[in-house]
Amino acid sequence: MSLANGLHANGFDHADDGRARPDDGLSLRFWGVRGSTPVSGPDYVEFGGSTPCLEIRCGTRLFLLDAGSGLNACGRHHRDALPRDIDLLFSHLHIDHTAGLPFFKPVVLDPERTINTWCGNLDGESAGPALDRLFAPPLFPVSLDILPCRLAHHGFRAGETLTFADGARVDTILLNHPQGSVGYRFDHAGRRLCVISDIEHSDPWPDPALREFVRGADLMIYDGMFTEGEYPVCRGWGHSTWQKGMELARAAGVEALGIIHLHPCHTDDTLRRMEAEMQAAMPTSFIARERQEIVLPPRPNPVDTRARAQPAAALAFP
């Protein structure tokens, strides 16, 4: 996929073509975009079958978002290039967002590594107790404390701003999902990226607080698991449609929209048809592909994105 006017995408490797590099601005790579359960086979080659894991870099500052099965590919790709201390932000702790944690190799096998987990949907409780219950007999052959790496669990309440020791900041919001979920907002170099998943749209829609949270974003990543035809029989399951994501994007002046948490039954052919329909309505929209990378280069003379009220110039997708 090729994008223009300040938003660049490429596949597995960075293109050496003079474009803005990830360490110049704000970048995102998808290591898993599927929802509920991993899938594989010839019908899932283009968009991928791993469950959610996103790599986000504010300059060189790394954040990982969710620990679905895509976390394994992230670890194998970067290997020793990952920092000694890694911040892993959970949207929530359902199994499709946590199952990859013990398979984050080689990181989990390195006693010099620390994985800091951040969980905000449990009213301040960290992910530690829930993960210890999940990854233990009889559901899992061993407990997490057998891993050589150090796991440090941190709890917060969605809606708080996370401020890290190095001064990095990430804004959060509580999303409508069974047991809650956390949306994240990253502001860097005059750019704004919002990740809004998992979420079920409300009535009325868009939710005013969420609209203000994503206002003026260069890119919003949104849970579009269901089609409009599928949604009525899945009401209450905690997921949304690309149409509702587009309504939110337009109401908030968001420049580009990416859809994740793809339904495990939606094949490449199905998703290509959906994407064509999306782009006919909003050319700067797309369905995320596993290992796809998006680079938002620094904005010249950046304004304070935390106070951004007006959308920037529209992006065009050739």
Protein backbone atom coordinates (compact mmCIF):
# COMPACT_ATOMS: atom_id res chain seq x y z
CA MET A 1 0.00 0.00 0.00
CA SER A 2 1.26 3.46 -0.85
CA LEU A 3 0.13 6.61 0.91
CA ALA A 4 0.97 10.23 0.21
CA ASN A 5 1.03 13.78 1.60
CA GLY A 6 3.03 13.04 4.73
CA LEU A 7 1.80 9.52 5.50
CA HIS A 8 4.02 6.72 4.25
CA ALA A 9 3.51 2.96 4.43
CA ASN A 10 5.70 0.07 3.45
CA GLY A 11 5.99 -3.61 4.10
CA PHE A 12 8.38 -5.61 6.23
CA ASP A 13 11.55 -3.60 5.59
CA HIS A 14 12.16 0.13 5.70
CA ALA A 15 12.54 1.57 2.22
CA ASP A 16 15.86 3.36 1.67
CA ASP A 17 14.42 6.02 -0.57
CA GLY A 18 15.04 9.29 1.26
CA ARG A 19 11.62 9.33 2.92
CA ALA A 20 11.20 10.20 6.56
CA ARG A 21 12.56 7.50 8.85
CA PRO A 22 10.70 6.14 11.88
CA ASP A 23 13.21 7.82 14.22
CA ASP A 24 12.33 11.21 12.68
CA GLY A 25 8.70 11.18 13.80
CA LEU A 26 5.87 8.90 14.85
CA SER A 27 5.63 5.39 13.44
CA LEU A 28 3.39 2.37 13.74
CA ARG A 29 3.89 -1.24 12.70
CA PHE A 30 1.19 -3.90 12.84
CA TRP A 31 2.38 -7.30 14.07
CA GLY A 32 -1.14 -8.66 14.55
CA VAL A 33 -4.46 -7.30 13.27
CA ARG A 34 -6.87 -10.21 13.66
CA GLY A 35 -9.48 -10.41 16.44
CA SER A 36 -10.61 -13.24 18.73
CA THR A 37 -8.46 -16.10 17.41
CA PRO A 38 -5.49 -16.53 15.07
CA VAL A 39 -6.16 -17.85 11.57
CA SER A 40 -3.96 -19.19 8.80
CA GLY A 41 -4.14 -20.60 5.31
CA PRO A 42 -4.29 -19.40 1.71
CA ASP A 43 -7.31 -17.15 2.40
CA TYR A 44 -5.38 -15.08 4.97
CA VAL A 45 -2.09 -14.26 3.28
CA GLU A 46 -2.48 -10.56 2.49
CA PHE A 47 -3.95 -9.25 5.74
CA GLY A 48 -2.49 -11.85 8.11
CA GLY A 49 -3.87 -14.02 10.85
CA SER A 50 -2.10 -13.04 14.11
CA THR A 51 -4.04 -11.45 16.95
CA PRO A 52 -3.38 -7.87 18.12
CA CYS A 53 0.09 -6.48 18.64
CA LEU A 54 1.20 -2.99 17.57
CA GLU A 55 4.68 -1.45 17.66
CA ILE A 56 4.61 2.33 18.16
CA ARG A 57 7.67 4.55 18.15
CA CYS A 58 7.74 8.20 19.18
CA GLY A 59 11.08 9.00 17.61
CA THR A 60 13.20 6.16 18.96
CA ARG A 61 11.00 5.67 22.04
CA LEU A 62 9.30 2.27 21.79
CA PHE A 63 5.87 1.25 23.03
CA LEU A 64 4.23 -2.11 22.37
CA LEU A 65 0.45 -2.26 22.46
CA ASP A 66 -1.11 -5.63 23.30
CA ALA A 67 0.42 -9.08 23.46
CA GLY A 68 -1.60 -11.14 21.00
CA SER A 69 0.01 -13.85 18.93
CA GLY A 70 1.67 -11.18 16.77
CA LEU A 71 4.07 -10.45 19.65
CA ASN A 72 6.07 -13.55 18.72
CA ALA A 73 6.86 -12.20 15.23
CA CYS A 74 7.77 -8.82 16.73
CA GLY A 75 10.32 -10.44 19.04
CA ARG A 76 11.81 -12.66 16.34
CA HIS A 77 12.16 -9.72 13.97
CA HIS A 78 13.90 -7.33 16.37
CA ARG A 79 15.73 -9.86 18.58
CA ASP A 80 18.53 -8.05 20.46
CA ALA A 81 17.66 -4.66 18.93
CA LEU A 82 14.84 -4.15 21.43
CA PRO A 83 15.61 -2.00 24.51
CA ARG A 84 16.42 -3.57 27.86
CA ASP A 85 13.27 -2.09 29.36
CA ILE A 86 10.12 -2.52 27.30
CA ASP A 87 6.77 -0.86 27.99
CA LEU A 88 3.86 -3.12 27.00
CA LEU A 89 0.50 -1.32 27.09
CA PHE A 90 -2.58 -3.51 27.33
CA SER A 91 -5.89 -2.39 25.90
CA HIS A 92 -7.41 -5.13 28.09
CA LEU A 93 -6.66 -8.69 29.11
CA HIS A 94 -8.87 -10.89 26.93
CA ILE A 95 -6.93 -13.86 25.67
CA ASP A 96 -6.51 -12.64 22.07
CA HIS A 97 -4.60 -9.66 23.51
CA THR A 98 -2.43 -11.60 25.99
CA ALA A 99 -1.75 -15.08 24.59
CA GLY A 100 1.55 -14.09 22.96
CA LEU A 101 3.29 -12.91 26.12
CA PRO A 102 5.21 -16.13 26.98
CA PHE A 103 6.27 -16.43 23.34
CA PHE A 104 7.90 -12.99 23.12
CA LYS A 105 11.26 -14.50 22.30
CA PRO A 106 14.13 -13.90 22.76
CA VAL A 107 13.08 -11.16 25.21
CA VAL A 108 11.43 -13.46 27.78
CA LEU A 109 14.54 -15.67 27.82
CA ASP A 110 16.92 -12.81 28.69
CA PRO A 111 17.49 -12.23 32.44
CA GLU A 112 18.73 -8.70 31.66
CA ARG A 113 15.36 -7.67 30.19
CA THR A 114 12.40 -6.06 31.98
CA ILE A 115 8.90 -6.03 30.50
CA ASN A 116 6.76 -3.34 32.12
CA THR A 117 3.08 -4.12 31.60
CA TRP A 118 0.50 -1.35 31.90
CA CYS A 119 -3.16 -2.16 32.49
CA GLY A 120 -5.90 0.47 32.86
CA ASN A 121 -9.26 -1.30 32.59
CA LEU A 122 -9.31 -2.94 36.05
CA ASP A 123 -9.90 0.15 38.23
CA GLY A 124 -6.22 0.53 39.08
CA GLU A 125 -5.30 -3.13 39.46
CA SER A 126 -2.33 -4.33 37.45
CA ALA A 127 -2.36 -7.20 34.97
CA GLY A 128 -0.21 -9.35 37.26
CA PRO A 129 -2.88 -11.40 39.09
CA ALA A 130 -4.89 -12.07 35.92
CA LEU A 131 -1.83 -13.11 33.91
CA ASP A 132 -0.65 -15.36 36.73
CA ARG A 133 -4.03 -17.13 36.68
CA LEU A 134 -4.02 -17.46 32.89
CA PHE A 135 -0.47 -18.72 32.50
CA ALA A 136 -0.51 -21.48 35.10
CA PRO A 137 -1.55 -25.13 35.23
CA PRO A 138 -3.93 -26.56 34.18
CA LEU A 139 -4.43 -23.90 31.48
CA PHE A 140 -0.71 -23.47 30.72
CA PRO A 141 2.13 -25.90 31.42
CA VAL A 142 4.28 -23.50 33.49
CA SER A 143 3.85 -20.23 35.38
CA LEU A 144 5.32 -16.94 34.21
CA ASP A 145 7.83 -16.81 37.06
CA ILE A 146 9.81 -19.54 35.31
CA LEU A 147 10.76 -17.05 32.58
CA PRO A 148 14.26 -15.56 32.97
CA CYS A 149 13.13 -12.00 32.15
CA ARG A 150 11.66 -9.68 34.78
CA LEU A 151 7.96 -8.80 34.56
CA ALA A 152 6.95 -5.57 36.31
CA HIS A 153 3.20 -4.97 36.38
CA HIS A 154 1.69 -1.48 36.70
CA GLY A 155 -1.96 -0.57 37.12
CA PHE A 156 -3.70 2.71 36.30
CA ARG A 157 -7.20 3.96 35.67
CA ALA A 158 -8.21 4.63 32.08
CA GLY A 159 -8.55 8.37 31.61
CA GLU A 160 -5.25 9.09 33.31
CA THR A 161 -2.17 10.31 31.44
CA LEU A 162 0.73 7.92 31.73
CA THR A 163 4.00 9.73 32.42
CA PHE A 164 7.14 7.60 32.19
CA ALA A 165 10.52 8.07 33.87
CA ASP A 166 12.08 9.43 30.66
CA GLY A 167 9.36 12.08 30.35
CA ALA A 168 7.34 10.28 27.67
CA ARG A 169 3.58 10.75 27.99
CA VAL A 170 0.64 8.74 26.68
CA ASP A 171 -3.01 9.78 27.11
CA THR A 172 -5.70 7.17 27.77
CA ILE A 173 -9.49 6.82 27.69
CA LEU A 174 -11.90 4.12 28.84
CA LEU A 175 -13.68 2.36 25.98
CA ASN A 176 -17.02 0.55 25.85
CA HIS A 177 -16.15 -3.16 25.95
CA PRO A 178 -17.00 -6.06 28.29
CA GLN A 179 -14.81 -5.50 31.40
CA GLY A 180 -13.62 -2.27 29.77
CA SER A 181 -10.81 -1.49 27.36
CA VAL A 182 -8.29 1.35 27.06
CA GLY A 183 -7.79 3.66 24.10
CA TYR A 184 -4.37 5.30 23.73
CA ARG A 185 -3.23 8.60 22.22
CA PHE A 186 0.36 9.29 21.19
CA ASP A 187 1.52 12.84 20.42
CA HIS A 188 5.00 13.38 19.01
CA ALA A 189 6.73 15.77 16.59
CA GLY A 190 3.47 17.56 15.83
CA ARG A 191 1.73 14.30 14.97
CA ARG A 192 -1.10 12.44 16.68
CA LEU A 193 -1.90 8.71 16.60
CA CYS A 194 -4.93 7.25 18.39
CA VAL A 195 -5.59 3.54 18.89
CA ILE A 196 -9.26 2.86 19.69
CA SER A 197 -9.76 -0.87 20.18
CA ASP A 198 -11.52 -2.86 21.48
CA ILE A 199 -14.74 -0.83 21.39
CA GLU A 200 -18.46 -1.14 20.75
CA HIS A 201 -20.08 2.03 19.49
CA SER A 202 -22.71 3.67 21.67
CA ASP A 203 -26.10 5.18 20.89
CA PRO A 204 -25.99 8.11 20.21
CA TRP A 205 -22.73 8.09 18.32
CA PRO A 206 -20.08 9.43 18.25
CA ASP A 207 -19.52 9.58 22.01
CA PRO A 208 -18.61 13.22 22.82
CA ALA A 209 -15.67 12.37 25.11
CA LEU A 210 -14.20 9.98 22.57
CA ARG A 211 -14.69 12.50 19.76
CA GLU A 212 -12.62 15.05 21.69
CA PHE A 213 -10.00 12.44 22.58
CA VAL A 214 -9.26 11.64 18.92
CA ARG A 215 -9.85 15.16 17.57
CA GLY A 216 -7.40 16.23 14.89
CA ALA A 217 -5.51 12.94 14.83
CA ASP A 218 -3.30 12.26 11.83
CA LEU A 219 -4.24 8.59 12.09
CA MET A 220 -6.86 6.72 14.10
CA ILE A 221 -6.75 2.93 14.40
CA TYR A 222 -10.24 1.56 15.06
CA ASP A 223 -11.96 -1.75 15.84
CA GLY A 224 -13.97 -2.65 12.73
CA MET A 225 -14.53 -6.34 13.39
CA PHE A 226 -18.12 -6.64 12.14
CA THR A 227 -19.95 -5.71 8.99
CA GLU A 228 -23.20 -3.81 9.40
CA GLY A 229 -25.01 -7.05 8.60
CA GLU A 230 -23.13 -9.05 11.25
CA TYR A 231 -23.34 -6.49 14.04
CA PRO A 232 -27.03 -6.84 15.08
CA VAL A 233 -26.64 -10.49 16.10
CA CYS A 234 -23.35 -9.67 17.89
CA ARG A 235 -24.60 -6.65 19.84
CA GLY A 236 -23.02 -6.53 23.28
CA TRP A 237 -19.90 -8.45 22.25
CA GLY A 238 -17.79 -5.29 22.43
CA HIS A 239 -16.88 -4.58 18.81
CA SER A 240 -17.79 -2.13 16.07
CA THR A 241 -17.92 -1.56 12.30
CA TRP A 242 -15.80 0.45 9.91
CA GLN A 243 -18.81 2.66 9.21
CA LYS A 244 -18.92 3.75 12.87
CA GLY A 245 -15.19 4.33 12.79
CA MET A 246 -15.63 6.57 9.78
CA GLU A 247 -18.43 8.51 11.49
CA LEU A 248 -16.13 9.14 14.45
CA ALA A 249 -13.22 10.12 12.20
CA ARG A 250 -15.30 12.65 10.29
CA ALA A 251 -16.84 14.15 13.42
CA ALA A 252 -13.39 14.61 14.99
CA GLY A 253 -11.49 15.84 11.93
CA VAL A 254 -9.27 12.74 11.81
CA GLU A 255 -7.13 12.60 8.68
CA ALA A 256 -6.73 8.86 8.12
CA LEU A 257 -8.51 5.77 9.43
CA GLY A 258 -7.08 2.26 9.81
CA ILE A 259 -9.25 -0.74 10.69
CA ILE A 260 -8.01 -3.56 12.92
CA HIS A 261 -9.41 -6.45 15.00
CA LEU A 262 -10.41 -8.17 11.80
CA HIS A 263 -13.01 -10.92 11.99
CA PRO A 264 -11.38 -14.38 11.77
CA CYS A 265 -13.89 -15.40 9.09
CA HIS A 266 -13.15 -12.43 6.84
CA THR A 267 -10.85 -13.66 4.07
CA ASP A 268 -8.48 -11.59 1.95
CA ASP A 269 -11.12 -11.34 -0.79
CA THR A 270 -13.73 -10.15 1.70
CA LEU A 271 -11.41 -7.57 3.22
CA ARG A 272 -10.30 -6.23 -0.16
CA ARG A 273 -13.95 -5.65 -1.09
CA MET A 274 -14.57 -3.93 2.25
CA GLU A 275 -11.51 -1.74 1.80
CA ALA A 276 -12.63 -0.66 -1.67
CA GLU A 277 -16.01 0.32 -0.22
CA MET A 278 -14.30 2.23 2.59
CA GLN A 279 -11.98 4.12 0.27
CA ALA A 280 -14.86 5.10 -2.01
CA ALA A 281 -16.34 6.91 1.00
CA MET A 282 -13.06 8.07 2.62
CA PRO A 283 -9.94 7.81 0.42
CA THR A 284 -7.63 8.05 3.44
CA SER A 285 -8.97 4.88 5.03
CA PHE A 286 -7.54 1.37 4.85
CA ILE A 287 -7.66 -2.06 6.46
CA ALA A 288 -4.47 -2.85 8.36
CA ARG A 289 -2.17 -5.60 7.14
CA GLU A 290 0.15 -7.63 9.31
CA ARG A 291 3.73 -6.22 9.21
CA GLN A 292 2.57 -3.06 7.46
CA GLU A 293 4.36 0.05 8.65
CA ILE A 294 3.03 3.62 8.76
CA VAL A 295 5.43 6.54 9.18
CA LEU A 296 4.22 10.00 10.18
CA PRO A 297 7.19 12.31 9.58
CA PRO A 298 7.63 15.36 11.81
CA ARG A 299 5.31 18.21 11.01
CA PRO A 300 7.18 21.43 10.13
CA ASN A 301 6.68 24.06 12.82
CA PRO A 302 4.53 21.66 14.88
CA VAL A 303 1.67 22.97 16.94
CA ASP A 304 0.80 21.54 20.35
CA THR A 305 -1.09 18.42 19.29
CA ARG A 306 -2.54 18.02 22.77
CA ALA A 307 -4.52 21.19 22.18
CA ARG A 308 -5.25 20.53 18.52
CA ALA A 309 -8.79 21.52 17.63
CA GLN A 310 -8.72 21.68 13.86
CA PRO A 311 -7.87 18.90 11.39
CA ALA A 312 -4.80 19.27 9.21
CA ALA A 313 -4.84 19.07 5.44
CA ALA A 314 -6.49 15.96 4.04
CA LEU A 315 -4.34 13.04 2.97
CA ALA A 316 -4.68 11.42 -0.41
CA PHE A 317 -4.24 7.72 -1.10
CA PRO A 318 -3.19 7.00 -4.69
